[in-house]
Amino acid sequence: MKKRKFIFIAKEVIEKEIISLKKLKSNINLSFNNAVEAILKCRNGKVILSGVGKSGIIAKKISATFASTGTPSFFLDASSASHGDMGQISSNDILILISLSGESNELKNIIQFASRNKKITLIGITSKKNSLLYQNSDIKLHLPKVNEVDAANIVPTSSTIVQLSIGDALAIACMRAKKFGKLDFKKFHPSGSLSIKLRTVEDLMISGRKLPIINENKLMKKAISVINLKKLGVIIVTNKLGKTVGIITDGDIKRATQKNENVKKLKVKQIMSKKPFTVDKDMLAAQALSIMNENKITSLCVHRNNKKNRSIGIIHIHNILEANIN
């Protein structure tokens, strides 16, 4: 087979799966709303997903998506459930079972267990309306009949794509309803590249006793001493009310020295750059780096909420780069 034929196959597979997803989109109805509302009301329980074979793999991924977006969830192995793990399911839980046929033997015991406990809400995701799963589900999410992409129509491809898609839709709908944002997301991803991307200015800024600050009426001799002590190459300038009125960098001092030999005897306010750039503590560090690059500066004052004239910290370009943010 010529290599260019592989490209044709890839496009053909993707096109067939797109057709399946369009069918799913047209099939979404009020049952989806009911499922999302049930999950959102599950505050004293858990969202448990289970499935068999490829559906089980999809269920595990959906569960992971729920858990990472603010909805407590875990995957229950269907085979292990009949050998003691059914005890993980308790009253007030949401049980989401995924099965193409809705008749998987491994799921029957779980369905029966849920049916006996009226406080467990069973959400069934299946393509067969006459199946055991569909008939016994409290909320029924019916998947459209789709053609698998292989010639024999037997390899789980289009069918698993629609399962995954409706699961993602449930998780994202719940995420948006909870107003689960990027800062919440960061809490659930403390390690790895996602955590790095989501680090905020507050995570990396210099604050407290390490923060270089000086009053505008002090002499530059004192300012230079503080800059050398803090080793940041910058100092925040405040007025008698503690409000930020300027900033002095090593570059400002060098330029002033070229014009005046007695820089140390000048007052700080004579040298400072007024209206320094300031960012909110909750801004992503990557965005702060972009601001520095655009304005060709190496530091930013940091404020809280809308109090831009009250600096609580300073972030230097080195702080960002050392955190591997670029």
C-alpha atoms as a PDB file:
ATOM      1  CA  MET A   1       0.000   0.000   0.000  1.00  0.00           C
ATOM      2  CA  LYS A   2       1.395   3.368  -1.022  1.00  0.00           C
ATOM      3  CA  LYS A   3       2.035   5.830   1.791  1.00  0.00           C
ATOM      4  CA  ARG A   4      -0.282   8.423   0.277  1.00  0.00           C
ATOM      5  CA  LYS A   5      -3.131   5.914   0.746  1.00  0.00           C
ATOM      6  CA  PHE A   6      -2.677   6.135   4.531  1.00  0.00           C
ATOM      7  CA  ILE A   7      -3.542   9.822   4.445  1.00  0.00           C
ATOM      8  CA  PHE A   8      -6.746   8.996   2.579  1.00  0.00           C
ATOM      9  CA  ILE A   9      -7.633   6.378   5.207  1.00  0.00           C
ATOM     10  CA  ALA A  10      -6.986   8.820   8.036  1.00  0.00           C
ATOM     11  CA  LYS A  11      -9.273  11.439   6.524  1.00  0.00           C
ATOM     12  CA  GLU A  12     -11.924   8.821   5.815  1.00  0.00           C
ATOM     13  CA  VAL A  13     -11.862   7.597   9.434  1.00  0.00           C
ATOM     14  CA  ILE A  14     -12.083  11.122  10.805  1.00  0.00           C
ATOM     15  CA  GLU A  15     -14.929  12.030   8.436  1.00  0.00           C
ATOM     16  CA  LYS A  16     -16.954   8.974   9.496  1.00  0.00           C
ATOM     17  CA  GLU A  17     -16.431   9.798  13.158  1.00  0.00           C
ATOM     18  CA  ILE A  18     -17.500  13.409  12.524  1.00  0.00           C
ATOM     19  CA  ILE A  19     -20.737  12.056  11.049  1.00  0.00           C
ATOM     20  CA  SER A  20     -21.239  10.014  14.245  1.00  0.00           C
ATOM     21  CA  LEU A  21     -20.695  13.074  16.421  1.00  0.00           C
ATOM     22  CA  LYS A  22     -23.204  15.062  14.365  1.00  0.00           C
ATOM     23  CA  LYS A  23     -25.747  12.314  15.028  1.00  0.00           C
ATOM     24  CA  LEU A  24     -24.998  12.552  18.739  1.00  0.00           C
ATOM     25  CA  LYS A  25     -25.408  16.323  18.673  1.00  0.00           C
ATOM     26  CA  SER A  26     -28.842  15.980  17.100  1.00  0.00           C
ATOM     27  CA  ASN A  27     -29.783  13.340  19.656  1.00  0.00           C
ATOM     28  CA  ILE A  28     -29.165  15.474  22.781  1.00  0.00           C
ATOM     29  CA  ASN A  29     -32.428  16.187  24.625  1.00  0.00           C
ATOM     30  CA  LEU A  30     -33.820  17.066  28.056  1.00  0.00           C
ATOM     31  CA  SER A  31     -32.417  13.844  29.510  1.00  0.00           C
ATOM     32  CA  PHE A  32     -28.997  15.470  29.298  1.00  0.00           C
ATOM     33  CA  ASN A  33     -30.255  18.397  31.402  1.00  0.00           C
ATOM     34  CA  ASN A  34     -31.667  15.946  33.941  1.00  0.00           C
ATOM     35  CA  ALA A  35     -28.339  14.121  34.147  1.00  0.00           C
ATOM     36  CA  VAL A  36     -26.359  17.321  34.751  1.00  0.00           C
ATOM     37  CA  GLU A  37     -28.797  18.539  37.400  1.00  0.00           C
ATOM     38  CA  ALA A  38     -28.636  15.187  39.199  1.00  0.00           C
ATOM     39  CA  ILE A  39     -24.840  15.296  39.249  1.00  0.00           C
ATOM     40  CA  LEU A  40     -24.824  18.876  40.544  1.00  0.00           C
ATOM     41  CA  LYS A  41     -27.201  17.899  43.369  1.00  0.00           C
ATOM     42  CA  CYS A  42     -24.889  15.063  44.409  1.00  0.00           C
ATOM     43  CA  ARG A  43     -23.164  16.933  47.243  1.00  0.00           C
ATOM     44  CA  ASN A  44     -23.113  14.177  49.841  1.00  0.00           C
ATOM     45  CA  GLY A  45     -22.164  11.405  47.477  1.00  0.00           C
ATOM     46  CA  LYS A  46     -19.845  10.513  44.635  1.00  0.00           C
ATOM     47  CA  VAL A  47     -20.101  10.157  40.896  1.00  0.00           C
ATOM     48  CA  ILE A  48     -19.151   6.580  40.043  1.00  0.00           C
ATOM     49  CA  LEU A  49     -18.586   5.387  36.485  1.00  0.00           C
ATOM     50  CA  SER A  50     -18.340   1.856  35.190  1.00  0.00           C
ATOM     51  CA  GLY A  51     -18.287  -0.003  31.919  1.00  0.00           C
ATOM     52  CA  VAL A  52     -16.899  -3.126  30.299  1.00  0.00           C
ATOM     53  CA  GLY A  53     -14.188  -3.449  27.666  1.00  0.00           C
ATOM     54  CA  LYS A  54     -13.693  -0.334  25.540  1.00  0.00           C
ATOM     55  CA  SER A  55     -16.676   1.283  27.279  1.00  0.00           C
ATOM     56  CA  GLY A  56     -14.850   0.705  30.560  1.00  0.00           C
ATOM     57  CA  ILE A  57     -11.799   2.526  29.251  1.00  0.00           C
ATOM     58  CA  ILE A  58     -14.016   5.429  28.193  1.00  0.00           C
ATOM     59  CA  ALA A  59     -15.736   5.414  31.602  1.00  0.00           C
ATOM     60  CA  LYS A  60     -12.364   5.612  33.351  1.00  0.00           C
ATOM     61  CA  LYS A  61     -11.353   8.624  31.276  1.00  0.00           C
ATOM     62  CA  ILE A  62     -14.664  10.415  31.886  1.00  0.00           C
ATOM     63  CA  SER A  63     -14.343   9.788  35.618  1.00  0.00           C
ATOM     64  CA  ALA A  64     -10.877  11.317  35.557  1.00  0.00           C
ATOM     65  CA  THR A  65     -12.264  14.373  33.758  1.00  0.00           C
ATOM     66  CA  PHE A  66     -15.000  14.791  36.374  1.00  0.00           C
ATOM     67  CA  ALA A  67     -12.489  14.493  39.223  1.00  0.00           C
ATOM     68  CA  SER A  68     -10.108  17.040  37.701  1.00  0.00           C
ATOM     69  CA  THR A  69     -12.849  19.602  37.142  1.00  0.00           C
ATOM     70  CA  GLY A  70     -14.359  19.730  40.624  1.00  0.00           C
ATOM     71  CA  THR A  71     -16.758  16.762  40.698  1.00  0.00           C
ATOM     72  CA  PRO A  72     -15.634  13.943  43.059  1.00  0.00           C
ATOM     73  CA  SER A  73     -15.579  10.785  40.975  1.00  0.00           C
ATOM     74  CA  PHE A  74     -13.943   7.390  40.587  1.00  0.00           C
ATOM     75  CA  PHE A  75     -14.071   4.400  38.240  1.00  0.00           C
ATOM     76  CA  LEU A  76     -15.497   1.098  39.438  1.00  0.00           C
ATOM     77  CA  ASP A  77     -14.250  -2.025  37.690  1.00  0.00           C
ATOM     78  CA  ALA A  78     -17.383  -3.951  36.696  1.00  0.00           C
ATOM     79  CA  SER A  79     -15.823  -7.372  37.212  1.00  0.00           C
ATOM     80  CA  SER A  80     -14.464  -6.523  40.658  1.00  0.00           C
ATOM     81  CA  ALA A  81     -17.809  -5.045  41.689  1.00  0.00           C
ATOM     82  CA  SER A  82     -19.351  -8.525  41.878  1.00  0.00           C
ATOM     83  CA  HIS A  83     -16.526  -9.680  44.135  1.00  0.00           C
ATOM     84  CA  GLY A  84     -16.737  -7.208  46.983  1.00  0.00           C
ATOM     85  CA  ASP A  85     -16.154  -3.809  45.379  1.00  0.00           C
ATOM     86  CA  MET A  86     -19.899  -3.124  45.245  1.00  0.00           C
ATOM     87  CA  GLY A  87     -19.402  -1.812  48.766  1.00  0.00           C
ATOM     88  CA  GLN A  88     -17.856   1.321  47.257  1.00  0.00           C
ATOM     89  CA  ILE A  89     -21.334   2.346  46.104  1.00  0.00           C
ATOM     90  CA  SER A  90     -23.452   3.983  48.797  1.00  0.00           C
ATOM     91  CA  SER A  91     -26.693   5.909  49.152  1.00  0.00           C
ATOM     92  CA  ASN A  92     -26.846   9.332  47.479  1.00  0.00           C
ATOM     93  CA  ASP A  93     -24.234   8.320  44.901  1.00  0.00           C
ATOM     94  CA  ILE A  94     -24.647   8.912  41.182  1.00  0.00           C
ATOM     95  CA  LEU A  95     -23.902   5.776  39.191  1.00  0.00           C
ATOM     96  CA  ILE A  96     -23.141   6.241  35.494  1.00  0.00           C
ATOM     97  CA  LEU A  97     -22.984   2.995  33.520  1.00  0.00           C
ATOM     98  CA  ILE A  98     -21.766   2.977  29.923  1.00  0.00           C
ATOM     99  CA  SER A  99     -22.537   0.081  27.586  1.00  0.00           C
ATOM    100  CA  LEU A 100     -23.132   0.027  23.845  1.00  0.00           C
ATOM    101  CA  SER A 101     -25.525  -2.918  24.076  1.00  0.00           C
ATOM    102  CA  GLY A 102     -26.761  -2.241  27.586  1.00  0.00           C
ATOM    103  CA  GLU A 103     -26.665  -5.998  28.234  1.00  0.00           C
ATOM    104  CA  SER A 104     -23.116  -6.624  29.468  1.00  0.00           C
ATOM    105  CA  ASN A 105     -23.187  -9.480  31.978  1.00  0.00           C
ATOM    106  CA  GLU A 106     -20.674  -7.748  34.250  1.00  0.00           C
ATOM    107  CA  LEU A 107     -23.019  -4.749  34.627  1.00  0.00           C
ATOM    108  CA  LYS A 108     -26.134  -6.745  35.530  1.00  0.00           C
ATOM    109  CA  ASN A 109     -25.197  -7.136  39.192  1.00  0.00           C
ATOM    110  CA  ILE A 110     -24.431  -3.411  39.476  1.00  0.00           C
ATOM    111  CA  ILE A 111     -27.775  -2.536  37.849  1.00  0.00           C
ATOM    112  CA  GLN A 112     -29.632  -4.821  40.262  1.00  0.00           C
ATOM    113  CA  PHE A 113     -27.746  -3.383  43.248  1.00  0.00           C
ATOM    114  CA  ALA A 114     -28.662   0.167  42.205  1.00  0.00           C
ATOM    115  CA  SER A 115     -32.284  -0.774  41.573  1.00  0.00           C
ATOM    116  CA  ARG A 116     -32.651  -2.068  45.137  1.00  0.00           C
ATOM    117  CA  ASN A 117     -31.323   1.189  46.635  1.00  0.00           C
ATOM    118  CA  LYS A 118     -33.713   3.958  45.685  1.00  0.00           C
ATOM    119  CA  LYS A 119     -31.312   6.657  46.889  1.00  0.00           C
ATOM    120  CA  ILE A 120     -28.790   5.753  44.188  1.00  0.00           C
ATOM    121  CA  THR A 121     -29.403   7.577  40.911  1.00  0.00           C
ATOM    122  CA  LEU A 122     -28.557   5.392  37.914  1.00  0.00           C
ATOM    123  CA  ILE A 123     -27.654   7.173  34.683  1.00  0.00           C
ATOM    124  CA  GLY A 124     -27.484   4.776  31.764  1.00  0.00           C
ATOM    125  CA  ILE A 125     -25.567   5.600  28.595  1.00  0.00           C
ATOM    126  CA  THR A 126     -26.431   3.087  25.878  1.00  0.00           C
ATOM    127  CA  SER A 127     -27.643   2.793  22.296  1.00  0.00           C
ATOM    128  CA  LYS A 128     -30.258   0.062  22.897  1.00  0.00           C
ATOM    129  CA  LYS A 129     -33.638   1.206  24.238  1.00  0.00           C
ATOM    130  CA  ASN A 130     -34.802  -2.349  24.866  1.00  0.00           C
ATOM    131  CA  SER A 131     -31.741  -3.188  26.956  1.00  0.00           C
ATOM    132  CA  LEU A 132     -31.566  -4.004  30.654  1.00  0.00           C
ATOM    133  CA  LEU A 133     -29.507  -0.874  31.327  1.00  0.00           C
ATOM    134  CA  TYR A 134     -31.847   1.493  29.517  1.00  0.00           C
ATOM    135  CA  GLN A 135     -35.001   0.053  31.068  1.00  0.00           C
ATOM    136  CA  ASN A 136     -33.633   0.246  34.624  1.00  0.00           C
ATOM    137  CA  SER A 137     -31.960   3.643  34.464  1.00  0.00           C
ATOM    138  CA  ASP A 138     -33.395   6.604  36.349  1.00  0.00           C
ATOM    139  CA  ILE A 139     -31.993   8.906  33.684  1.00  0.00           C
ATOM    140  CA  LYS A 140     -31.570   7.506  30.191  1.00  0.00           C
ATOM    141  CA  LEU A 141     -28.989   8.933  27.796  1.00  0.00           C
ATOM    142  CA  HIS A 142     -29.666   7.258  24.487  1.00  0.00           C
ATOM    143  CA  LEU A 143     -26.789   7.164  22.014  1.00  0.00           C
ATOM    144  CA  PRO A 144     -27.600   7.167  18.288  1.00  0.00           C
ATOM    145  CA  LYS A 145     -26.813   4.127  16.176  1.00  0.00           C
ATOM    146  CA  VAL A 146     -23.511   4.775  14.414  1.00  0.00           C
ATOM    147  CA  ASN A 147     -21.374   2.843  11.977  1.00  0.00           C
ATOM    148  CA  GLU A 148     -17.916   1.814  13.078  1.00  0.00           C
ATOM    149  CA  VAL A 149     -15.220   3.012  10.687  1.00  0.00           C
ATOM    150  CA  ASP A 150     -13.802  -0.392   9.721  1.00  0.00           C
ATOM    151  CA  ALA A 151     -15.131  -2.239   6.684  1.00  0.00           C
ATOM    152  CA  ALA A 152     -16.678  -4.991   8.808  1.00  0.00           C
ATOM    153  CA  ASN A 153     -18.355  -2.483  11.172  1.00  0.00           C
ATOM    154  CA  ILE A 154     -17.109  -4.322  14.267  1.00  0.00           C
ATOM    155  CA  VAL A 155     -14.153  -2.381  15.706  1.00  0.00           C
ATOM    156  CA  PRO A 156     -15.248   0.022  18.509  1.00  0.00           C
ATOM    157  CA  THR A 157     -14.392   3.386  16.989  1.00  0.00           C
ATOM    158  CA  SER A 158     -17.351   5.639  16.209  1.00  0.00           C
ATOM    159  CA  SER A 159     -19.273   4.128  19.120  1.00  0.00           C
ATOM    160  CA  THR A 160     -16.523   4.956  21.633  1.00  0.00           C
ATOM    161  CA  ILE A 161     -16.104   8.455  20.198  1.00  0.00           C
ATOM    162  CA  VAL A 162     -19.753   9.292  20.934  1.00  0.00           C
ATOM    163  CA  GLN A 163     -19.478   7.753  24.428  1.00  0.00           C
ATOM    164  CA  LEU A 164     -16.441   9.873  25.200  1.00  0.00           C
ATOM    165  CA  SER A 165     -18.031  12.989  23.767  1.00  0.00           C
ATOM    166  CA  ILE A 166     -21.217  12.789  25.817  1.00  0.00           C
ATOM    167  CA  GLY A 167     -19.117  12.108  28.916  1.00  0.00           C
ATOM    168  CA  ASP A 168     -16.980  15.168  28.239  1.00  0.00           C
ATOM    169  CA  ALA A 169     -20.152  17.188  27.689  1.00  0.00           C
ATOM    170  CA  LEU A 170     -21.496  16.122  31.099  1.00  0.00           C
ATOM    171  CA  ALA A 171     -18.231  17.003  32.853  1.00  0.00           C
ATOM    172  CA  ILE A 172     -17.860  20.401  31.183  1.00  0.00           C
ATOM    173  CA  ALA A 173     -21.520  21.286  31.788  1.00  0.00           C
ATOM    174  CA  CYS A 174     -21.013  20.589  35.505  1.00  0.00           C
ATOM    175  CA  MET A 175     -17.727  22.489  35.482  1.00  0.00           C
ATOM    176  CA  ARG A 176     -19.364  25.591  34.028  1.00  0.00           C
ATOM    177  CA  ALA A 177     -22.348  25.372  36.358  1.00  0.00           C
ATOM    178  CA  LYS A 178     -19.936  25.335  39.318  1.00  0.00           C
ATOM    179  CA  LYS A 179     -17.953  28.234  37.800  1.00  0.00           C
ATOM    180  CA  PHE A 180     -14.865  26.086  38.126  1.00  0.00           C
ATOM    181  CA  GLY A 181     -12.088  28.314  36.758  1.00  0.00           C
ATOM    182  CA  LYS A 182      -8.412  28.122  35.978  1.00  0.00           C
ATOM    183  CA  LEU A 183      -7.360  28.819  39.565  1.00  0.00           C
ATOM    184  CA  ASP A 184      -9.561  25.955  40.796  1.00  0.00           C
ATOM    185  CA  PHE A 185      -8.130  23.766  38.052  1.00  0.00           C
ATOM    186  CA  LYS A 186      -4.607  24.537  39.254  1.00  0.00           C
ATOM    187  CA  LYS A 187      -5.431  23.236  42.748  1.00  0.00           C
ATOM    188  CA  PHE A 188      -6.312  19.849  41.270  1.00  0.00           C
ATOM    189  CA  HIS A 189      -3.126  19.751  39.161  1.00  0.00           C
ATOM    190  CA  PRO A 190      -0.252  20.636  41.523  1.00  0.00           C
ATOM    191  CA  SER A 191       2.363  18.854  39.390  1.00  0.00           C
ATOM    192  CA  GLY A 192       3.317  18.621  35.761  1.00  0.00           C
ATOM    193  CA  SER A 193       3.139  20.961  32.793  1.00  0.00           C
ATOM    194  CA  LEU A 194      -0.441  22.011  33.500  1.00  0.00           C
ATOM    195  CA  SER A 195       0.561  23.283  36.928  1.00  0.00           C
ATOM    196  CA  ILE A 196       3.436  25.243  35.438  1.00  0.00           C
ATOM    197  CA  LYS A 197       1.156  26.902  32.876  1.00  0.00           C
ATOM    198  CA  LEU A 198      -1.343  27.793  35.572  1.00  0.00           C
ATOM    199  CA  ARG A 199       1.082  29.331  38.046  1.00  0.00           C
ATOM    200  CA  THR A 200       0.067  32.839  39.017  1.00  0.00           C
ATOM    201  CA  VAL A 201       2.004  35.997  39.802  1.00  0.00           C
ATOM    202  CA  GLU A 202       1.295  35.434  43.496  1.00  0.00           C
ATOM    203  CA  ASP A 203       3.002  32.027  43.318  1.00  0.00           C
ATOM    204  CA  LEU A 204       6.273  33.593  42.163  1.00  0.00           C
ATOM    205  CA  MET A 205       6.336  37.179  43.453  1.00  0.00           C
ATOM    206  CA  ILE A 206       8.682  38.627  46.057  1.00  0.00           C
ATOM    207  CA  SER A 207       6.797  39.877  49.115  1.00  0.00           C
ATOM    208  CA  GLY A 208       7.060  40.483  52.847  1.00  0.00           C
ATOM    209  CA  ARG A 209      10.486  41.319  54.251  1.00  0.00           C
ATOM    210  CA  LYS A 210      12.155  40.476  50.955  1.00  0.00           C
ATOM    211  CA  LEU A 211      10.260  43.243  49.171  1.00  0.00           C
ATOM    212  CA  PRO A 212      12.432  46.338  48.469  1.00  0.00           C
ATOM    213  CA  ILE A 213      10.461  49.511  49.339  1.00  0.00           C
ATOM    214  CA  ILE A 214      11.510  53.070  50.058  1.00  0.00           C
ATOM    215  CA  ASN A 215       9.806  56.412  50.696  1.00  0.00           C
ATOM    216  CA  GLU A 216       9.990  58.963  47.891  1.00  0.00           C
ATOM    217  CA  ASN A 217      11.646  61.582  50.132  1.00  0.00           C
ATOM    218  CA  LYS A 218      14.579  59.378  51.144  1.00  0.00           C
ATOM    219  CA  LEU A 219      17.993  59.956  49.597  1.00  0.00           C
ATOM    220  CA  MET A 220      19.233  57.794  46.732  1.00  0.00           C
ATOM    221  CA  LYS A 221      22.116  56.701  48.945  1.00  0.00           C
ATOM    222  CA  LYS A 222      19.605  54.757  51.050  1.00  0.00           C
ATOM    223  CA  ALA A 223      17.763  53.470  47.965  1.00  0.00           C
ATOM    224  CA  ILE A 224      20.975  52.106  46.429  1.00  0.00           C
ATOM    225  CA  SER A 225      21.811  50.420  49.723  1.00  0.00           C
ATOM    226  CA  VAL A 226      18.404  48.671  49.813  1.00  0.00           C
ATOM    227  CA  ILE A 227      18.697  47.623  46.152  1.00  0.00           C
ATOM    228  CA  ASN A 228      22.099  46.074  46.825  1.00  0.00           C
ATOM    229  CA  LEU A 229      20.794  44.347  49.953  1.00  0.00           C
ATOM    230  CA  LYS A 230      17.685  42.848  48.320  1.00  0.00           C
ATOM    231  CA  LYS A 231      19.605  41.910  45.146  1.00  0.00           C
ATOM    232  CA  LEU A 232      16.659  42.407  42.776  1.00  0.00           C
ATOM    233  CA  GLY A 233      17.989  45.397  40.858  1.00  0.00           C
ATOM    234  CA  VAL A 234      14.775  47.281  41.569  1.00  0.00           C
ATOM    235  CA  ILE A 235      12.964  49.106  44.374  1.00  0.00           C
ATOM    236  CA  ILE A 236       9.342  50.233  44.825  1.00  0.00           C
ATOM    237  CA  VAL A 237       8.800  53.874  45.785  1.00  0.00           C
ATOM    238  CA  THR A 238       5.934  54.904  48.071  1.00  0.00           C
ATOM    239  CA  ASN A 239       4.598  58.169  49.474  1.00  0.00           C
ATOM    240  CA  LYS A 240       3.844  58.961  53.119  1.00  0.00           C
ATOM    241  CA  LEU A 241       0.456  57.207  52.788  1.00  0.00           C
ATOM    242  CA  GLY A 242       2.115  53.996  51.658  1.00  0.00           C
ATOM    243  CA  LYS A 243       0.831  54.294  48.109  1.00  0.00           C
ATOM    244  CA  THR A 244       3.051  53.231  45.237  1.00  0.00           C
ATOM    245  CA  VAL A 245       4.151  56.286  43.250  1.00  0.00           C
ATOM    246  CA  GLY A 246       7.123  54.987  41.307  1.00  0.00           C
ATOM    247  CA  ILE A 247       9.875  52.460  40.794  1.00  0.00           C
ATOM    248  CA  ILE A 248      13.652  52.636  40.443  1.00  0.00           C
ATOM    249  CA  THR A 249      15.720  50.100  38.527  1.00  0.00           C
ATOM    250  CA  ASP A 250      19.442  49.670  38.010  1.00  0.00           C
ATOM    251  CA  GLY A 251      18.888  51.188  34.559  1.00  0.00           C
ATOM    252  CA  ASP A 252      17.339  54.322  36.061  1.00  0.00           C
ATOM    253  CA  ILE A 253      20.352  54.742  38.341  1.00  0.00           C
ATOM    254  CA  LYS A 254      22.847  54.302  35.484  1.00  0.00           C
ATOM    255  CA  ARG A 255      21.068  56.886  33.350  1.00  0.00           C
ATOM    256  CA  ALA A 256      20.893  59.344  36.285  1.00  0.00           C
ATOM    257  CA  THR A 257      24.606  58.864  36.998  1.00  0.00           C
ATOM    258  CA  GLN A 258      25.454  59.952  33.449  1.00  0.00           C
ATOM    259  CA  LYS A 259      23.679  63.262  34.106  1.00  0.00           C
ATOM    260  CA  ASN A 260      24.592  63.852  37.752  1.00  0.00           C
ATOM    261  CA  GLU A 261      27.744  62.780  39.597  1.00  0.00           C
ATOM    262  CA  ASN A 262      26.098  63.174  43.003  1.00  0.00           C
ATOM    263  CA  VAL A 263      23.153  60.825  42.466  1.00  0.00           C
ATOM    264  CA  LYS A 264      23.370  59.538  46.038  1.00  0.00           C
ATOM    265  CA  LYS A 265      22.503  63.002  47.371  1.00  0.00           C
ATOM    266  CA  LEU A 266      19.350  63.307  45.275  1.00  0.00           C
ATOM    267  CA  LYS A 267      15.938  62.396  46.599  1.00  0.00           C
ATOM    268  CA  VAL A 268      14.371  59.175  45.407  1.00  0.00           C
ATOM    269  CA  LYS A 269      11.430  60.982  43.748  1.00  0.00           C
ATOM    270  CA  GLN A 270      13.898  62.841  41.521  1.00  0.00           C
ATOM    271  CA  ILE A 271      15.133  59.597  39.989  1.00  0.00           C
ATOM    272  CA  MET A 272      12.131  57.279  40.055  1.00  0.00           C
ATOM    273  CA  SER A 273      10.034  56.302  37.039  1.00  0.00           C
ATOM    274  CA  LYS A 274       6.445  57.323  37.738  1.00  0.00           C
ATOM    275  CA  LYS A 275       3.361  55.137  37.179  1.00  0.00           C
ATOM    276  CA  PRO A 276       5.092  51.741  37.173  1.00  0.00           C
ATOM    277  CA  PHE A 277       3.460  48.770  35.478  1.00  0.00           C
ATOM    278  CA  THR A 278       1.406  46.771  37.976  1.00  0.00           C
ATOM    279  CA  VAL A 279      -0.477  43.466  37.689  1.00  0.00           C
ATOM    280  CA  ASP A 280      -3.004  41.621  39.820  1.00  0.00           C
ATOM    281  CA  LYS A 281      -1.696  38.807  41.986  1.00  0.00           C
ATOM    282  CA  ASP A 282      -4.076  36.337  40.293  1.00  0.00           C
ATOM    283  CA  MET A 283      -2.767  36.973  36.793  1.00  0.00           C
ATOM    284  CA  LEU A 284      -1.085  33.990  35.163  1.00  0.00           C
ATOM    285  CA  ALA A 285       2.696  34.298  35.336  1.00  0.00           C
ATOM    286  CA  ALA A 286       2.887  33.571  31.600  1.00  0.00           C
ATOM    287  CA  GLN A 287       0.725  36.634  30.943  1.00  0.00           C
ATOM    288  CA  ALA A 288       2.930  38.764  33.194  1.00  0.00           C
ATOM    289  CA  LEU A 289       5.956  37.615  31.202  1.00  0.00           C
ATOM    290  CA  SER A 290       4.208  38.692  28.015  1.00  0.00           C
ATOM    291  CA  ILE A 291       3.628  42.170  29.465  1.00  0.00           C
ATOM    292  CA  MET A 292       7.317  42.430  30.377  1.00  0.00           C
ATOM    293  CA  ASN A 293       8.400  41.389  26.882  1.00  0.00           C
ATOM    294  CA  GLU A 294       5.973  43.780  25.174  1.00  0.00           C
ATOM    295  CA  ASN A 295       7.159  46.743  27.253  1.00  0.00           C
ATOM    296  CA  LYS A 296      10.819  45.690  27.426  1.00  0.00           C
ATOM    297  CA  ILE A 297      10.920  45.732  31.223  1.00  0.00           C
ATOM    298  CA  THR A 298      12.125  43.174  33.762  1.00  0.00           C
ATOM    299  CA  SER A 299       9.842  43.751  36.764  1.00  0.00           C
ATOM    300  CA  LEU A 300       6.228  44.390  37.619  1.00  0.00           C
ATOM    301  CA  CYS A 301       4.612  45.676  40.791  1.00  0.00           C
ATOM    302  CA  VAL A 302       1.885  43.401  42.141  1.00  0.00           C
ATOM    303  CA  HIS A 303      -1.432  44.539  43.595  1.00  0.00           C
ATOM    304  CA  ARG A 304      -4.550  42.877  45.015  1.00  0.00           C
ATOM    305  CA  ASN A 305      -8.003  43.368  43.464  1.00  0.00           C
ATOM    306  CA  ASN A 306      -8.315  46.914  42.107  1.00  0.00           C
ATOM    307  CA  LYS A 307      -5.897  48.570  44.534  1.00  0.00           C
ATOM    308  CA  LYS A 308      -3.252  49.311  41.911  1.00  0.00           C
ATOM    309  CA  ASN A 309      -1.511  51.918  44.063  1.00  0.00           C
ATOM    310  CA  ARG A 310      -0.952  49.452  46.922  1.00  0.00           C
ATOM    311  CA  SER A 311       1.877  47.110  46.017  1.00  0.00           C
ATOM    312  CA  ILE A 312       1.932  43.800  47.890  1.00  0.00           C
ATOM    313  CA  GLY A 313       4.837  42.384  45.949  1.00  0.00           C
ATOM    314  CA  ILE A 314       7.058  42.529  42.921  1.00  0.00           C
ATOM    315  CA  ILE A 315       7.687  39.927  40.249  1.00  0.00           C
ATOM    316  CA  HIS A 316      10.942  39.809  38.317  1.00  0.00           C
ATOM    317  CA  ILE A 317      11.481  38.193  34.952  1.00  0.00           C
ATOM    318  CA  HIS A 318      14.036  35.857  36.568  1.00  0.00           C
ATOM    319  CA  ASN A 319      11.349  34.529  38.935  1.00  0.00           C
ATOM    320  CA  ILE A 320       9.252  33.542  35.922  1.00  0.00           C
ATOM    321  CA  LEU A 321      12.032  32.049  33.833  1.00  0.00           C
ATOM    322  CA  GLU A 322      13.369  30.034  36.769  1.00  0.00           C
ATOM    323  CA  ALA A 323       9.906  28.472  37.060  1.00  0.00           C
ATOM    324  CA  ASN A 324      10.271  27.253  33.439  1.00  0.00           C
ATOM    325  CA  ILE A 325       7.489  29.512  32.220  1.00  0.00           C
ATOM    326  CA  ASN A 326       8.037  30.919  28.748  1.00  0.00           C
END
